[in-house]
C-alpha cells in the first residue's frame, strides 16, 4: 500500500480536518459550547468557566465539563500571554525595542 502521508494534497486535507475539528469540538454537551467559543471568551479576559458560560448566555448544567473547560481556557490564556510577550520583546518597525 503506498504511503500518501507526505503527499501535498493529503497534508492539506489533514490540516483542514484539524481546523474543522477545533471549530466543532464540544466541551459542554448540555449547552452545546464549543472549544472555539471558550477560547474566544478566554481571549477577552474571562478567567473561570462559570463566568465564560455566563458570557455565552448559558449556565452549567451537569458540571462534568467544567474541569475541561478550565483547561481549555488556561491553555488559551497561556498561548495569548506567550504571543504577547514575544511581540513586546520584538523590535518595532523603527528598529527600537518595544517596552511594556
PDB file of N, CA and C in Angstrom:
ATOM      1  N   UNK A   1       0.846  -1.173   0.000  1.00  0.00           N
ATOM      2  CA  UNK A   1       0.000   0.000   0.000  1.00  0.00           C
ATOM      3  C   UNK A   1       0.896   1.242   0.000  1.00  0.00           C
ATOM      4  N   UNK A   2       0.654   2.208  -0.892  1.00  0.00           N
ATOM      5  CA  UNK A   2       1.504   3.400  -0.965  1.00  0.00           C
ATOM      6  C   UNK A   2       1.295   4.317   0.246  1.00  0.00           C
ATOM      7  N   UNK A   3       2.360   5.012   0.615  1.00  0.00           N
ATOM      8  CA  UNK A   3       2.295   5.971   1.719  1.00  0.00           C
ATOM      9  C   UNK A   3       1.944   7.343   1.161  1.00  0.00           C
ATOM     10  N   UNK A   4       0.758   7.853   1.510  1.00  0.00           N
ATOM     11  CA  UNK A   4       0.301   9.139   0.983  1.00  0.00           C
ATOM     12  C   UNK A   4       0.498  10.272   1.987  1.00  0.00           C
ATOM     13  N   UNK A   5       1.070   9.982   3.145  1.00  0.00           N
ATOM     14  CA  UNK A   5       1.160  10.992   4.196  1.00  0.00           C
ATOM     15  C   UNK A   5       2.014  12.187   3.801  1.00  0.00           C
ATOM     16  N   UNK A   6       2.965  12.001   2.897  1.00  0.00           N
ATOM     17  CA  UNK A   6       3.818  13.119   2.511  1.00  0.00           C
ATOM     18  C   UNK A   6       3.294  13.829   1.257  1.00  0.00           C
ATOM     19  N   UNK A   7       2.204  13.363   0.718  1.00  0.00           N
ATOM     20  CA  UNK A   7       1.630  13.984  -0.467  1.00  0.00           C
ATOM     21  C   UNK A   7       1.023  15.335  -0.089  1.00  0.00           C
ATOM     22  N   UNK A   8       1.268  16.395  -0.882  1.00  0.00           N
ATOM     23  CA  UNK A   8       0.778  17.727  -0.527  1.00  0.00           C
ATOM     24  C   UNK A   8      -0.739  17.800  -0.337  1.00  0.00           C
ATOM     25  N   UNK A   9      -1.491  17.102  -1.148  1.00  0.00           N
ATOM     26  CA  UNK A   9      -2.945  17.151  -1.028  1.00  0.00           C
ATOM     27  C   UNK A   9      -3.393  16.477   0.265  1.00  0.00           C
ATOM     28  N   UNK A  10      -2.763  15.365   0.616  1.00  0.00           N
ATOM     29  CA  UNK A  10      -3.092  14.675   1.853  1.00  0.00           C
ATOM     30  C   UNK A  10      -2.807  15.572   3.054  1.00  0.00           C
ATOM     31  N   UNK A  11      -1.689  16.268   3.037  1.00  0.00           N
ATOM     32  CA  UNK A  11      -1.344  17.192   4.119  1.00  0.00           C
ATOM     33  C   UNK A  11      -2.361  18.322   4.205  1.00  0.00           C
ATOM     34  N   UNK A  12      -2.780  18.825   3.069  1.00  0.00           N
ATOM     35  CA  UNK A  12      -3.769  19.910   3.038  1.00  0.00           C
ATOM     36  C   UNK A  12      -5.103  19.439   3.625  1.00  0.00           C
ATOM     37  N   UNK A  13      -5.507  18.233   3.285  1.00  0.00           N
ATOM     38  CA  UNK A  13      -6.751  17.671   3.822  1.00  0.00           C
ATOM     39  C   UNK A  13      -6.631  17.484   5.328  1.00  0.00           C
ATOM     40  N   UNK A  14      -5.489  16.985   5.795  1.00  0.00           N
ATOM     41  CA  UNK A  14      -5.279  16.783   7.227  1.00  0.00           C
ATOM     42  C   UNK A  14      -5.336  18.109   7.974  1.00  0.00           C
ATOM     43  N   UNK A  15      -4.727  19.163   7.422  1.00  0.00           N
ATOM     44  CA  UNK A  15      -4.758  20.477   8.063  1.00  0.00           C
ATOM     45  C   UNK A  15      -6.180  21.021   8.114  1.00  0.00           C
ATOM     46  N   UNK A  16      -6.930  20.889   7.041  1.00  0.00           N
ATOM     47  CA  UNK A  16      -8.318  21.355   7.012  1.00  0.00           C
ATOM     48  C   UNK A  16      -9.162  20.580   8.001  1.00  0.00           C
ATOM     49  N   UNK A  17      -8.919  19.283   8.108  1.00  0.00           N
ATOM     50  CA  UNK A  17      -9.658  18.453   9.047  1.00  0.00           C
ATOM     51  C   UNK A  17      -9.386  18.888  10.485  1.00  0.00           C
ATOM     52  N   UNK A  18      -8.135  19.197  10.812  1.00  0.00           N
ATOM     53  CA  UNK A  18      -7.770  19.645  12.157  1.00  0.00           C
ATOM     54  C   UNK A  18      -8.446  20.971  12.473  1.00  0.00           C
ATOM     55  N   UNK A  19      -8.471  21.906  11.518  1.00  0.00           N
ATOM     56  CA  UNK A  19      -9.125  23.194  11.735  1.00  0.00           C
ATOM     57  C   UNK A  19     -10.622  22.993  11.945  1.00  0.00           C
ATOM     58  N   UNK A  20     -11.234  22.105  11.184  1.00  0.00           N
ATOM     59  CA  UNK A  20     -12.660  21.826  11.334  1.00  0.00           C
ATOM     60  C   UNK A  20     -12.937  21.222  12.697  1.00  0.00           C
ATOM     61  N   UNK A  21     -12.093  20.319  13.127  1.00  0.00           N
ATOM     62  CA  UNK A  21     -12.241  19.676  14.431  1.00  0.00           C
ATOM     63  C   UNK A  21     -12.223  20.720  15.543  1.00  0.00           C
ATOM     64  N   UNK A  22     -11.313  21.682  15.464  1.00  0.00           N
ATOM     65  CA  UNK A  22     -11.215  22.697  16.501  1.00  0.00           C
ATOM     66  C   UNK A  22     -12.467  23.570  16.544  1.00  0.00           C
ATOM     67  N   UNK A  23     -13.109  23.789  15.416  1.00  0.00           N
ATOM     68  CA  UNK A  23     -14.311  24.620  15.387  1.00  0.00           C
ATOM     69  C   UNK A  23     -15.498  23.916  16.022  1.00  0.00           C
ATOM     70  N   UNK A  24     -15.591  22.584  15.884  1.00  0.00           N
ATOM     71  CA  UNK A  24     -16.803  21.897  16.324  1.00  0.00           C
ATOM     72  C   UNK A  24     -16.623  21.056  17.586  1.00  0.00           C
ATOM     73  N   UNK A  25     -15.447  21.021  18.175  1.00  0.00           N
ATOM     74  CA  UNK A  25     -15.228  20.213  19.371  1.00  0.00           C
ATOM     75  C   UNK A  25     -16.095  20.738  20.502  1.00  0.00           C
ATOM     76  N   UNK A  26     -17.056  19.930  20.935  1.00  0.00           N
ATOM     77  CA  UNK A  26     -17.923  20.331  22.038  1.00  0.00           C
ATOM     78  C   UNK A  26     -17.227  20.084  23.364  1.00  0.00           C
ATOM     79  N   UNK A  27     -17.203  21.091  24.198  1.00  0.00           N
ATOM     80  CA  UNK A  27     -16.684  20.958  25.548  1.00  0.00           C
ATOM     81  C   UNK A  27     -17.851  20.672  26.486  1.00  0.00           C
ATOM     82  N   UNK A  28     -18.960  21.355  26.259  1.00  0.00           N
ATOM     83  CA  UNK A  28     -20.159  21.170  27.073  1.00  0.00           C
ATOM     84  C   UNK A  28     -21.292  20.680  26.185  1.00  0.00           C
ATOM     85  N   UNK A  29     -21.683  19.448  26.389  1.00  0.00           N
ATOM     86  CA  UNK A  29     -22.756  18.862  25.579  1.00  0.00           C
ATOM     87  C   UNK A  29     -24.110  19.434  25.995  1.00  0.00           C
ATOM     88  N   UNK A  30     -24.304  19.648  27.281  1.00  0.00           N
ATOM     89  CA  UNK A  30     -25.592  20.162  27.770  1.00  0.00           C
ATOM     90  C   UNK A  30     -25.953  21.500  27.119  1.00  0.00           C
ATOM     91  N   UNK A  31     -24.944  22.380  26.971  1.00  0.00           N
ATOM     92  CA  UNK A  31     -25.178  23.714  26.425  1.00  0.00           C
ATOM     93  C   UNK A  31     -24.645  23.899  25.009  1.00  0.00           C
ATOM     94  N   UNK A  32     -24.098  22.846  24.424  1.00  0.00           N
ATOM     95  CA  UNK A  32     -23.504  22.899  23.082  1.00  0.00           C
ATOM     96  C   UNK A  32     -22.467  24.021  22.977  1.00  0.00           C
ATOM     97  N   UNK A  33     -21.564  24.097  23.967  1.00  0.00           N
ATOM     98  CA  UNK A  33     -20.495  25.092  23.955  1.00  0.00           C
ATOM     99  C   UNK A  33     -19.255  24.447  23.342  1.00  0.00           C
ATOM    100  N   UNK A  34     -18.705  25.108  22.330  1.00  0.00           N
ATOM    101  CA  UNK A  34     -17.545  24.563  21.630  1.00  0.00           C
ATOM    102  C   UNK A  34     -16.246  25.072  22.236  1.00  0.00           C
ATOM    103  N   UNK A  35     -15.189  24.355  21.922  1.00  0.00           N
ATOM    104  CA  UNK A  35     -13.849  24.762  22.350  1.00  0.00           C
ATOM    105  C   UNK A  35     -13.530  26.144  21.803  1.00  0.00           C
ATOM    106  N   UNK A  36     -13.904  26.402  20.559  1.00  0.00           N
ATOM    107  CA  UNK A  36     -13.635  27.695  19.930  1.00  0.00           C
ATOM    108  C   UNK A  36     -14.328  28.830  20.694  1.00  0.00           C
ATOM    109  N   UNK A  37     -15.556  28.611  21.138  1.00  0.00           N
ATOM    110  CA  UNK A  37     -16.263  29.640  21.897  1.00  0.00           C
ATOM    111  C   UNK A  37     -15.556  29.930  23.216  1.00  0.00           C
ATOM    112  N   UNK A  38     -15.121  28.888  23.910  1.00  0.00           N
ATOM    113  CA  UNK A  38     -14.408  29.084  25.171  1.00  0.00           C
ATOM    114  C   UNK A  38     -13.089  29.805  24.963  1.00  0.00           C
ATOM    115  N   UNK A  39     -12.377  29.453  23.904  1.00  0.00           N
ATOM    116  CA  UNK A  39     -11.106  30.119  23.617  1.00  0.00           C
ATOM    117  C   UNK A  39     -11.333  31.604  23.326  1.00  0.00           C
ATOM    118  N   UNK A  40     -12.386  31.914  22.607  1.00  0.00           N
ATOM    119  CA  UNK A  40     -12.706  33.302  22.291  1.00  0.00           C
ATOM    120  C   UNK A  40     -12.999  34.100  23.561  1.00  0.00           C
ATOM    121  N   UNK A  41     -13.799  33.532  24.448  1.00  0.00           N
ATOM    122  CA  UNK A  41     -14.123  34.197  25.712  1.00  0.00           C
ATOM    123  C   UNK A  41     -12.860  34.361  26.562  1.00  0.00           C
ATOM    124  N   UNK A  42     -11.998  33.367  26.572  1.00  0.00           N
ATOM    125  CA  UNK A  42     -10.751  33.434  27.349  1.00  0.00           C
ATOM    126  C   UNK A  42      -9.859  34.561  26.827  1.00  0.00           C
ATOM    127  N   UNK A  43      -9.821  34.754  25.504  1.00  0.00           N
ATOM    128  CA  UNK A  43      -9.019  35.836  24.923  1.00  0.00           C
ATOM    129  C   UNK A  43      -9.552  37.202  25.332  1.00  0.00           C
ATOM    130  N   UNK A  44     -10.816  37.277  25.710  1.00  0.00           N
ATOM    131  CA  UNK A  44     -11.420  38.534  26.151  1.00  0.00           C
ATOM    132  C   UNK A  44     -11.164  38.796  27.631  1.00  0.00           C
ATOM    133  N   UNK A  45     -10.456  37.889  28.298  1.00  0.00           N
ATOM    134  CA  UNK A  45     -10.064  38.094  29.676  1.00  0.00           C
ATOM    135  C   UNK A  45     -10.890  37.357  30.712  1.00  0.00           C
ATOM    136  N   UNK A  46     -11.878  36.593  30.292  1.00  0.00           N
ATOM    137  CA  UNK A  46     -12.672  35.809  31.234  1.00  0.00           C
ATOM    138  C   UNK A  46     -11.789  34.674  31.742  1.00  0.00           C
ATOM    139  N   UNK A  47     -11.783  34.471  33.074  1.00  0.00           N
ATOM    140  CA  UNK A  47     -10.811  33.541  33.644  1.00  0.00           C
ATOM    141  C   UNK A  47     -11.382  32.265  34.250  1.00  0.00           C
ATOM    142  N   UNK A  48     -12.688  32.178  34.451  1.00  0.00           N
ATOM    143  CA  UNK A  48     -13.227  30.940  35.025  1.00  0.00           C
ATOM    144  C   UNK A  48     -14.387  30.429  34.170  1.00  0.00           C
ATOM    145  N   UNK A  49     -14.585  29.108  34.169  1.00  0.00           N
ATOM    146  CA  UNK A  49     -15.634  28.527  33.326  1.00  0.00           C
ATOM    147  C   UNK A  49     -17.036  29.073  33.609  1.00  0.00           C
ATOM    148  N   UNK A  50     -17.368  29.255  34.875  1.00  0.00           N
ATOM    149  CA  UNK A  50     -18.712  29.754  35.190  1.00  0.00           C
ATOM    150  C   UNK A  50     -18.943  31.128  34.564  1.00  0.00           C
ATOM    151  N   UNK A  51     -17.932  31.992  34.625  1.00  0.00           N
ATOM    152  CA  UNK A  51     -18.039  33.321  34.007  1.00  0.00           C
ATOM    153  C   UNK A  51     -18.100  33.211  32.487  1.00  0.00           C
ATOM    154  N   UNK A  52     -17.368  32.260  31.940  1.00  0.00           N
ATOM    155  CA  UNK A  52     -17.396  32.052  30.490  1.00  0.00           C
ATOM    156  C   UNK A  52     -18.791  31.621  30.050  1.00  0.00           C
ATOM    157  N   UNK A  53     -19.394  30.723  30.804  1.00  0.00           N
ATOM    158  CA  UNK A  53     -20.741  30.269  30.469  1.00  0.00           C
ATOM    159  C   UNK A  53     -21.713  31.448  30.512  1.00  0.00           C
ATOM    160  N   UNK A  54     -21.594  32.283  31.557  1.00  0.00           N
ATOM    161  CA  UNK A  54     -22.463  33.472  31.653  1.00  0.00           C
ATOM    162  C   UNK A  54     -22.251  34.397  30.461  1.00  0.00           C
ATOM    163  N   UNK A  55     -20.983  34.593  30.079  1.00  0.00           N
ATOM    164  CA  UNK A  55     -20.674  35.462  28.936  1.00  0.00           C
ATOM    165  C   UNK A  55     -21.304  34.924  27.651  1.00  0.00           C
ATOM    166  N   UNK A  56     -21.473  33.613  27.590  1.00  0.00           N
ATOM    167  CA  UNK A  56     -22.087  32.984  26.415  1.00  0.00           C
ATOM    168  C   UNK A  56     -23.604  32.843  26.573  1.00  0.00           C
ATOM    169  N   UNK A  57     -24.146  33.380  27.677  1.00  0.00           N
ATOM    170  CA  UNK A  57     -25.584  33.317  27.912  1.00  0.00           C
ATOM    171  C   UNK A  57     -26.072  31.946  28.348  1.00  0.00           C
ATOM    172  N   UNK A  58     -25.178  31.177  28.974  1.00  0.00           N
ATOM    173  CA  UNK A  58     -25.507  29.805  29.404  1.00  0.00           C
ATOM    174  C   UNK A  58     -25.236  29.654  30.897  1.00  0.00           C
ATOM    175  N   UNK A  59     -25.716  28.564  31.471  1.00  0.00           N
ATOM    176  CA  UNK A  59     -25.372  28.203  32.846  1.00  0.00           C
ATOM    177  C   UNK A  59     -24.965  26.732  32.855  1.00  0.00           C
ATOM    178  N   UNK A  60     -23.955  26.382  33.665  1.00  0.00           N
ATOM    179  CA  UNK A  60     -23.564  24.976  33.748  1.00  0.00           C
ATOM    180  C   UNK A  60     -24.746  24.112  34.196  1.00  0.00           C
ATOM    181  N   UNK A  61     -24.894  22.959  33.578  1.00  0.00           N
ATOM    182  CA  UNK A  61     -25.988  22.053  33.929  1.00  0.00           C
ATOM    183  C   UNK A  61     -25.457  20.903  34.786  1.00  0.00           C
ATOM    184  N   UNK A  62     -24.850  19.920  34.170  1.00  0.00           N
ATOM    185  CA  UNK A  62     -24.363  18.756  34.926  1.00  0.00           C
ATOM    186  C   UNK A  62     -22.993  19.018  35.565  1.00  0.00           C
ATOM    187  N   UNK A  63     -22.276  20.019  35.061  1.00  0.00           N
ATOM    188  CA  UNK A  63     -20.990  20.483  35.593  1.00  0.00           C
ATOM    189  C   UNK A  63     -19.820  19.522  35.333  1.00  0.00           C
ATOM    190  N   UNK A  64     -20.038  18.445  34.642  1.00  0.00           N
ATOM    191  CA  UNK A  64     -18.964  17.488  34.355  1.00  0.00           C
ATOM    192  C   UNK A  64     -17.885  18.124  33.474  1.00  0.00           C
ATOM    193  N   UNK A  65     -18.257  19.064  32.646  1.00  0.00           N
ATOM    194  CA  UNK A  65     -17.342  19.659  31.669  1.00  0.00           C
ATOM    195  C   UNK A  65     -16.470  20.776  32.243  1.00  0.00           C
ATOM    196  N   UNK A  66     -16.745  21.250  33.441  1.00  0.00           N
ATOM    197  CA  UNK A  66     -16.072  22.452  33.938  1.00  0.00           C
ATOM    198  C   UNK A  66     -14.559  22.301  34.061  1.00  0.00           C
ATOM    199  N   UNK A  67     -14.070  21.135  34.441  1.00  0.00           N
ATOM    200  CA  UNK A  67     -12.614  20.941  34.527  1.00  0.00           C
ATOM    201  C   UNK A  67     -11.971  21.066  33.152  1.00  0.00           C
ATOM    202  N   UNK A  68     -12.579  20.431  32.148  1.00  0.00           N
ATOM    203  CA  UNK A  68     -12.023  20.519  30.798  1.00  0.00           C
ATOM    204  C   UNK A  68     -12.153  21.938  30.252  1.00  0.00           C
ATOM    205  N   UNK A  69     -13.273  22.588  30.527  1.00  0.00           N
ATOM    206  CA  UNK A  69     -13.463  23.971  30.088  1.00  0.00           C
ATOM    207  C   UNK A  69     -12.366  24.860  30.667  1.00  0.00           C
ATOM    208  N   UNK A  70     -12.056  24.656  31.937  1.00  0.00           N
ATOM    209  CA  UNK A  70     -10.995  25.438  32.576  1.00  0.00           C
ATOM    210  C   UNK A  70      -9.646  25.156  31.921  1.00  0.00           C
ATOM    211  N   UNK A  71      -9.368  23.893  31.609  1.00  0.00           N
ATOM    212  CA  UNK A  71      -8.112  23.536  30.931  1.00  0.00           C
ATOM    213  C   UNK A  71      -7.992  24.253  29.592  1.00  0.00           C
ATOM    214  N   UNK A  72      -9.073  24.271  28.819  1.00  0.00           N
ATOM    215  CA  UNK A  72      -9.073  24.933  27.507  1.00  0.00           C
ATOM    216  C   UNK A  72      -8.798  26.421  27.678  1.00  0.00           C
ATOM    217  N   UNK A  73      -9.457  27.036  28.666  1.00  0.00           N
ATOM    218  CA  UNK A  73      -9.287  28.476  28.880  1.00  0.00           C
ATOM    219  C   UNK A  73      -7.877  28.814  29.352  1.00  0.00           C
ATOM    220  N   UNK A  74      -7.325  28.020  30.262  1.00  0.00           N
ATOM    221  CA  UNK A  74      -5.961  28.246  30.750  1.00  0.00           C
ATOM    222  C   UNK A  74      -4.971  28.099  29.593  1.00  0.00           C
ATOM    223  N   UNK A  75      -5.167  27.083  28.767  1.00  0.00           N
ATOM    224  CA  UNK A  75      -4.293  26.879  27.609  1.00  0.00           C
ATOM    225  C   UNK A  75      -4.341  28.089  26.678  1.00  0.00           C
ATOM    226  N   UNK A  76      -5.538  28.591  26.406  1.00  0.00           N
ATOM    227  CA  UNK A  76      -5.685  29.743  25.508  1.00  0.00           C
ATOM    228  C   UNK A  76      -5.061  30.991  26.102  1.00  0.00           C
ATOM    229  N   UNK A  77      -5.277  31.227  27.381  1.00  0.00           N
ATOM    230  CA  UNK A  77      -4.699  32.409  28.024  1.00  0.00           C
ATOM    231  C   UNK A  77      -3.180  32.319  28.057  1.00  0.00           C
ATOM    232  N   UNK A  78      -2.653  31.135  28.285  1.00  0.00           N
ATOM    233  CA  UNK A  78      -1.209  30.933  28.273  1.00  0.00           C
ATOM    234  C   UNK A  78      -0.648  31.201  26.882  1.00  0.00           C
ATOM    235  N   UNK A  79      -1.358  30.727  25.882  1.00  0.00           N
ATOM    236  CA  UNK A  79      -0.952  30.947  24.496  1.00  0.00           C
ATOM    237  C   UNK A  79      -0.974  32.436  24.160  1.00  0.00           C
ATOM    238  N   UNK A  80      -1.987  33.147  24.642  1.00  0.00           N
ATOM    239  CA  UNK A  80      -2.085  34.593  24.411  1.00  0.00           C
ATOM    240  C   UNK A  80      -0.927  35.330  25.078  1.00  0.00           C
ATOM    241  N   UNK A  81      -0.628  34.960  26.339  1.00  0.00           N
ATOM    242  CA  UNK A  81       0.486  35.601  27.049  1.00  0.00           C
ATOM    243  C   UNK A  81       1.801  35.366  26.319  1.00  0.00           C
ATOM    244  N   UNK A  82       1.971  34.170  25.808  1.00  0.00           N
ATOM    245  CA  UNK A  82       3.195  33.833  25.087  1.00  0.00           C
ATOM    246  C   UNK A  82       3.319  34.684  23.823  1.00  0.00           C
ATOM    247  N   UNK A  83       2.216  34.808  23.081  1.00  0.00           N
ATOM    248  CA  UNK A  83       2.247  35.632  21.862  1.00  0.00           C
ATOM    249  C   UNK A  83       2.503  37.089  22.202  1.00  0.00           C
ATOM    250  N   UNK A  84       1.868  37.584  23.272  1.00  0.00           N
ATOM    251  CA  UNK A  84       2.049  38.985  23.672  1.00  0.00           C
ATOM    252  C   UNK A  84       3.484  39.251  24.105  1.00  0.00           C
ATOM    253  N   UNK A  85       4.062  38.352  24.872  1.00  0.00           N
ATOM    254  CA  UNK A  85       5.432  38.580  25.341  1.00  0.00           C
ATOM    255  C   UNK A  85       6.411  38.560  24.178  1.00  0.00           C
ATOM    256  N   UNK A  86       6.154  37.725  23.195  1.00  0.00           N
ATOM    257  CA  UNK A  86       7.034  37.712  22.010  1.00  0.00           C
ATOM    258  C   UNK A  86       6.918  39.033  21.267  1.00  0.00           C
ATOM    259  N   UNK A  87       5.699  39.564  21.125  1.00  0.00           N
ATOM    260  CA  UNK A  87       5.537  40.811  20.381  1.00  0.00           C
ATOM    261  C   UNK A  87       6.087  41.993  21.167  1.00  0.00           C
ATOM    262  N   UNK A  88       6.008  41.960  22.506  1.00  0.00           N
ATOM    263  CA  UNK A  88       6.563  43.043  23.311  1.00  0.00           C
ATOM    264  C   UNK A  88       8.084  43.050  23.282  1.00  0.00           C
ATOM    265  N   UNK A  89       8.691  41.885  23.096  1.00  0.00           N
ATOM    266  CA  UNK A  89      10.146  41.791  23.098  1.00  0.00           C
ATOM    267  C   UNK A  89      10.750  41.882  21.709  1.00  0.00           C
ATOM    268  N   UNK A  90       9.929  42.046  20.709  1.00  0.00           N
ATOM    269  CA  UNK A  90      10.433  42.125  19.335  1.00  0.00           C
ATOM    270  C   UNK A  90      10.744  43.582  18.976  1.00  0.00           C
ATOM    271  N   UNK A  91      11.683  43.790  18.057  1.00  0.00           N
ATOM    272  CA  UNK A  91      11.980  45.159  17.624  1.00  0.00           C
ATOM    273  C   UNK A  91      10.762  45.762  16.936  1.00  0.00           C
ATOM    274  N   UNK A  92      10.529  47.029  17.149  1.00  0.00           N
ATOM    275  CA  UNK A  92       9.418  47.700  16.474  1.00  0.00           C
ATOM    276  C   UNK A  92       9.833  48.026  15.045  1.00  0.00           C
ATOM    277  N   UNK A  93       8.927  48.602  14.297  1.00  0.00           N
ATOM    278  CA  UNK A  93       9.209  48.958  12.899  1.00  0.00           C
ATOM    279  C   UNK A  93      10.336  49.972  12.804  1.00  0.00           C
ATOM    280  N   UNK A  94      10.540  50.776  13.846  1.00  0.00           N
ATOM    281  CA  UNK A  94      11.576  51.808  13.813  1.00  0.00           C
ATOM    282  C   UNK A  94      12.942  51.264  14.195  1.00  0.00           C
ATOM    283  N   UNK A  95      12.985  49.974  14.575  1.00  0.00           N
ATOM    284  CA  UNK A  95      14.263  49.374  14.933  1.00  0.00           C
ATOM    285  C   UNK A  95      14.556  49.444  16.415  1.00  0.00           C
ATOM    286  N   UNK A  96      13.662  50.059  17.202  1.00  0.00           N
ATOM    287  CA  UNK A  96      13.855  50.099  18.642  1.00  0.00           C
ATOM    288  C   UNK A  96      13.012  49.016  19.274  1.00  0.00           C
ATOM    289  N   UNK A  97      13.351  48.662  20.482  1.00  0.00           N
ATOM    290  CA  UNK A  97      12.604  47.606  21.179  1.00  0.00           C
ATOM    291  C   UNK A  97      11.372  48.193  21.819  1.00  0.00           C
ATOM    292  N   UNK A  98      10.277  47.455  21.704  1.00  0.00           N
ATOM    293  CA  UNK A  98       9.038  47.886  22.342  1.00  0.00           C
ATOM    294  C   UNK A  98       9.165  47.721  23.846  1.00  0.00           C
ATOM    295  N   UNK A  99       8.532  48.618  24.602  1.00  0.00           N
ATOM    296  CA  UNK A  99       8.534  48.493  26.050  1.00  0.00           C
ATOM    297  C   UNK A  99       7.119  48.305  26.544  1.00  0.00           C
ATOM    298  N   UNK A 100       7.015  47.625  27.650  1.00  0.00           N
ATOM    299  CA  UNK A 100       5.675  47.362  28.214  1.00  0.00           C
ATOM    300  C   UNK A 100       5.257  48.488  29.117  1.00  0.00           C
TER     301      UNK A 100
END
